[in-house]
Amino acid sequence: MKSKHAKTLRAIFTKPTLATVAFTDIEMLIVGLGGKVAEGKGSRVALHLGDTVKHAHRPHPGKEAKKYQIEEICLWLESQGVKP
């Protein structure tokens, strides 16, 4: 895992939840962990890791993920055994 991915992973697991994590960084982290990102309709994306899928919407007009998205992704990553 690249240092940028490790930094993003630490940011996702930081409490209280940060509101400064770019959604593209989360997508790159998933790919760095061996997963993939599939485009959906509009701003919808499917994050695939292992046998599970997490659906999310890319934020707009900003680039930072919403706090609730980061919290959901944190729980999803924990369920896959991913830890910072």
N, C-alpha and C. Protein backbone atom coordinates (compact mmCIF):
# COMPACT_ATOMS: atom_id res chain seq x y z
N MET A 1 0.85 -1.17 0.00
CA MET A 1 0.00 0.00 0.00
C MET A 1 0.89 1.23 0.00
N LYS A 2 0.58 2.17 -0.85
CA LYS A 2 1.34 3.40 -0.94
C LYS A 2 1.09 4.27 0.30
N SER A 3 1.99 5.19 0.57
CA SER A 3 1.85 6.05 1.75
C SER A 3 0.62 6.94 1.65
N LYS A 4 0.24 7.34 0.44
CA LYS A 4 -0.97 8.14 0.26
C LYS A 4 -2.21 7.34 0.66
N HIS A 5 -2.24 6.04 0.32
CA HIS A 5 -3.36 5.19 0.71
C HIS A 5 -3.40 5.02 2.22
N ALA A 6 -2.23 4.85 2.84
CA ALA A 6 -2.17 4.70 4.29
C ALA A 6 -2.68 5.96 4.99
N LYS A 7 -2.33 7.12 4.44
CA LYS A 7 -2.79 8.39 5.00
C LYS A 7 -4.31 8.50 4.89
N THR A 8 -4.87 8.11 3.76
CA THR A 8 -6.32 8.15 3.57
C THR A 8 -7.00 7.18 4.53
N LEU A 9 -6.43 6.00 4.69
CA LEU A 9 -6.99 5.00 5.60
C LEU A 9 -7.01 5.53 7.03
N ARG A 10 -5.92 6.15 7.46
CA ARG A 10 -5.89 6.74 8.82
C ARG A 10 -6.93 7.84 8.95
N ALA A 11 -7.11 8.64 7.91
CA ALA A 11 -8.09 9.73 7.95
C ALA A 11 -9.51 9.17 8.07
N ILE A 12 -9.80 8.06 7.39
CA ILE A 12 -11.13 7.46 7.45
C ILE A 12 -11.43 6.95 8.86
N PHE A 13 -10.42 6.40 9.53
CA PHE A 13 -10.61 5.83 10.86
C PHE A 13 -10.44 6.84 11.99
N THR A 14 -10.14 8.10 11.69
CA THR A 14 -9.97 9.13 12.70
C THR A 14 -11.30 9.47 13.35
N LYS A 15 -11.29 9.58 14.68
CA LYS A 15 -12.47 10.01 15.44
C LYS A 15 -12.10 11.28 16.18
N PRO A 16 -12.90 12.32 16.17
CA PRO A 16 -14.16 12.47 15.45
C PRO A 16 -13.92 12.47 13.94
N THR A 17 -14.96 12.11 13.22
CA THR A 17 -14.89 11.95 11.76
C THR A 17 -14.47 13.25 11.09
N LEU A 18 -13.51 13.14 10.19
CA LEU A 18 -13.03 14.29 9.44
C LEU A 18 -13.95 14.58 8.25
N ALA A 19 -14.02 15.84 7.88
CA ALA A 19 -14.82 16.23 6.72
C ALA A 19 -13.91 16.70 5.58
N THR A 20 -12.64 16.29 5.64
CA THR A 20 -11.67 16.78 4.66
C THR A 20 -11.08 15.67 3.80
N VAL A 21 -11.74 14.53 3.72
CA VAL A 21 -11.24 13.41 2.92
C VAL A 21 -11.85 13.49 1.53
N ALA A 22 -11.00 13.62 0.53
CA ALA A 22 -11.49 13.69 -0.86
C ALA A 22 -12.03 12.33 -1.27
N PHE A 23 -13.17 12.33 -1.92
CA PHE A 23 -13.80 11.07 -2.34
C PHE A 23 -12.91 10.31 -3.33
N THR A 24 -12.18 11.03 -4.17
CA THR A 24 -11.28 10.35 -5.11
C THR A 24 -10.17 9.62 -4.37
N ASP A 25 -9.74 10.15 -3.22
CA ASP A 25 -8.74 9.46 -2.42
C ASP A 25 -9.29 8.14 -1.88
N ILE A 26 -10.57 8.13 -1.51
CA ILE A 26 -11.21 6.90 -1.05
C ILE A 26 -11.27 5.89 -2.18
N GLU A 27 -11.62 6.34 -3.37
CA GLU A 27 -11.66 5.45 -4.53
C GLU A 27 -10.27 4.86 -4.81
N MET A 28 -9.23 5.68 -4.74
CA MET A 28 -7.87 5.20 -4.99
C MET A 28 -7.45 4.21 -3.90
N LEU A 29 -7.89 4.43 -2.66
CA LEU A 29 -7.59 3.50 -1.57
C LEU A 29 -8.19 2.14 -1.85
N ILE A 30 -9.44 2.10 -2.29
CA ILE A 30 -10.10 0.83 -2.59
C ILE A 30 -9.34 0.08 -3.67
N VAL A 31 -8.92 0.77 -4.70
CA VAL A 31 -8.14 0.14 -5.78
C VAL A 31 -6.79 -0.33 -5.23
N GLY A 32 -6.18 0.46 -4.35
CA GLY A 32 -4.90 0.09 -3.74
C GLY A 32 -5.01 -1.13 -2.84
N LEU A 33 -6.20 -1.37 -2.30
CA LEU A 33 -6.44 -2.54 -1.45
C LEU A 33 -6.80 -3.78 -2.27
N GLY A 34 -6.82 -3.64 -3.59
CA GLY A 34 -7.13 -4.77 -4.46
C GLY A 34 -8.58 -4.82 -4.90
N GLY A 35 -9.33 -3.77 -4.60
CA GLY A 35 -10.73 -3.71 -5.02
C GLY A 35 -10.88 -3.00 -6.34
N LYS A 36 -12.10 -2.67 -6.67
CA LYS A 36 -12.34 -1.91 -7.89
C LYS A 36 -13.50 -0.96 -7.69
N VAL A 37 -13.55 0.04 -8.55
CA VAL A 37 -14.59 1.07 -8.52
C VAL A 37 -15.34 0.98 -9.83
N ALA A 38 -16.66 0.81 -9.74
CA ALA A 38 -17.50 0.72 -10.93
C ALA A 38 -18.40 1.94 -11.01
N GLU A 39 -18.45 2.53 -12.19
CA GLU A 39 -19.30 3.70 -12.41
C GLU A 39 -20.76 3.28 -12.52
N GLY A 40 -21.63 4.09 -11.95
CA GLY A 40 -23.06 3.87 -12.08
C GLY A 40 -23.67 5.03 -12.84
N LYS A 41 -24.96 5.21 -12.70
CA LYS A 41 -25.63 6.33 -13.34
C LYS A 41 -25.39 7.60 -12.54
N GLY A 42 -25.14 8.68 -13.24
CA GLY A 42 -24.93 9.96 -12.58
C GLY A 42 -23.69 9.93 -11.71
N SER A 43 -23.86 10.30 -10.43
CA SER A 43 -22.73 10.36 -9.53
C SER A 43 -22.57 9.09 -8.70
N ARG A 44 -23.34 8.07 -9.02
CA ARG A 44 -23.32 6.82 -8.25
C ARG A 44 -22.12 5.96 -8.63
N VAL A 45 -21.46 5.39 -7.61
CA VAL A 45 -20.35 4.47 -7.82
C VAL A 45 -20.54 3.25 -6.91
N ALA A 46 -19.97 2.15 -7.34
CA ALA A 46 -19.99 0.93 -6.54
C ALA A 46 -18.54 0.60 -6.19
N LEU A 47 -18.26 0.51 -4.90
CA LEU A 47 -16.93 0.17 -4.43
C LEU A 47 -16.93 -1.32 -4.12
N HIS A 48 -16.10 -2.08 -4.82
CA HIS A 48 -16.02 -3.53 -4.65
C HIS A 48 -14.75 -3.87 -3.89
N LEU A 49 -14.89 -4.63 -2.81
CA LEU A 49 -13.74 -5.10 -2.05
C LEU A 49 -14.07 -6.48 -1.51
N GLY A 50 -13.28 -7.45 -1.88
CA GLY A 50 -13.60 -8.83 -1.50
C GLY A 50 -14.89 -9.25 -2.18
N ASP A 51 -15.80 -9.81 -1.39
CA ASP A 51 -17.09 -10.25 -1.93
C ASP A 51 -18.20 -9.24 -1.69
N THR A 52 -17.87 -8.05 -1.17
CA THR A 52 -18.90 -7.09 -0.83
C THR A 52 -18.84 -5.85 -1.72
N VAL A 53 -19.94 -5.15 -1.75
CA VAL A 53 -20.06 -3.93 -2.54
C VAL A 53 -20.63 -2.84 -1.65
N LYS A 54 -20.05 -1.65 -1.73
CA LYS A 54 -20.57 -0.47 -1.03
C LYS A 54 -20.95 0.55 -2.08
N HIS A 55 -22.22 0.90 -2.13
CA HIS A 55 -22.69 1.91 -3.08
C HIS A 55 -22.62 3.28 -2.44
N ALA A 56 -22.21 4.27 -3.23
CA ALA A 56 -22.09 5.63 -2.73
C ALA A 56 -22.31 6.61 -3.88
N HIS A 57 -22.50 7.86 -3.52
CA HIS A 57 -22.62 8.94 -4.50
C HIS A 57 -21.41 9.84 -4.35
N ARG A 58 -20.81 10.20 -5.48
CA ARG A 58 -19.73 11.17 -5.44
C ARG A 58 -20.33 12.51 -5.02
N PRO A 59 -19.63 13.20 -4.13
CA PRO A 59 -20.16 14.50 -3.69
C PRO A 59 -20.04 15.54 -4.81
N HIS A 60 -20.98 16.44 -4.82
CA HIS A 60 -20.92 17.55 -5.75
C HIS A 60 -21.69 18.70 -5.14
N PRO A 61 -21.32 19.92 -5.27
CA PRO A 61 -20.26 20.40 -6.15
C PRO A 61 -18.85 20.26 -5.56
N GLY A 62 -18.70 19.97 -4.28
CA GLY A 62 -17.38 19.82 -3.67
C GLY A 62 -16.75 18.49 -3.98
N LYS A 63 -15.53 18.29 -3.47
CA LYS A 63 -14.84 17.03 -3.73
C LYS A 63 -14.70 16.19 -2.47
N GLU A 64 -14.96 16.77 -1.29
CA GLU A 64 -14.81 16.04 -0.04
C GLU A 64 -16.03 15.16 0.22
N ALA A 65 -15.76 13.96 0.73
CA ALA A 65 -16.84 13.04 1.10
C ALA A 65 -17.55 13.60 2.33
N LYS A 66 -18.83 13.34 2.42
CA LYS A 66 -19.61 13.77 3.58
C LYS A 66 -19.23 12.90 4.77
N LYS A 67 -19.43 13.45 5.97
CA LYS A 67 -19.07 12.72 7.18
C LYS A 67 -19.80 11.38 7.27
N TYR A 68 -21.08 11.35 6.92
CA TYR A 68 -21.82 10.10 7.01
C TYR A 68 -21.25 9.06 6.05
N GLN A 69 -20.76 9.51 4.89
CA GLN A 69 -20.16 8.58 3.93
C GLN A 69 -18.87 7.98 4.49
N ILE A 70 -18.07 8.81 5.11
CA ILE A 70 -16.81 8.35 5.69
C ILE A 70 -17.09 7.35 6.81
N GLU A 71 -18.09 7.63 7.64
CA GLU A 71 -18.44 6.71 8.73
C GLU A 71 -18.93 5.37 8.18
N GLU A 72 -19.75 5.40 7.13
CA GLU A 72 -20.24 4.16 6.52
C GLU A 72 -19.10 3.38 5.88
N ILE A 73 -18.19 4.06 5.21
CA ILE A 73 -17.06 3.39 4.58
C ILE A 73 -16.13 2.82 5.64
N CYS A 74 -15.96 3.52 6.75
CA CYS A 74 -15.15 3.03 7.86
C CYS A 74 -15.71 1.70 8.37
N LEU A 75 -17.01 1.66 8.62
CA LEU A 75 -17.65 0.42 9.09
C LEU A 75 -17.53 -0.70 8.06
N TRP A 76 -17.69 -0.35 6.80
CA TRP A 76 -17.59 -1.33 5.71
C TRP A 76 -16.18 -1.90 5.64
N LEU A 77 -15.16 -1.04 5.74
CA LEU A 77 -13.79 -1.51 5.71
C LEU A 77 -13.48 -2.40 6.91
N GLU A 78 -13.99 -2.01 8.10
CA GLU A 78 -13.79 -2.84 9.29
C GLU A 78 -14.39 -4.23 9.09
N SER A 79 -15.56 -4.29 8.47
CA SER A 79 -16.22 -5.58 8.24
C SER A 79 -15.41 -6.46 7.28
N GLN A 80 -14.54 -5.84 6.48
CA GLN A 80 -13.69 -6.57 5.55
C GLN A 80 -12.32 -6.89 6.17
N GLY A 81 -12.14 -6.50 7.43
CA GLY A 81 -10.86 -6.78 8.11
C GLY A 81 -9.77 -5.77 7.83
N VAL A 82 -10.14 -4.62 7.27
CA VAL A 82 -9.15 -3.58 6.96
C VAL A 82 -9.04 -2.66 8.16
N LYS A 83 -7.81 -2.43 8.61
CA LYS A 83 -7.55 -1.55 9.75
C LYS A 83 -6.39 -0.65 9.41
N PRO A 84 -6.34 0.53 10.03
CA PRO A 84 -5.23 1.46 9.73
C PRO A 84 -3.90 0.96 10.27
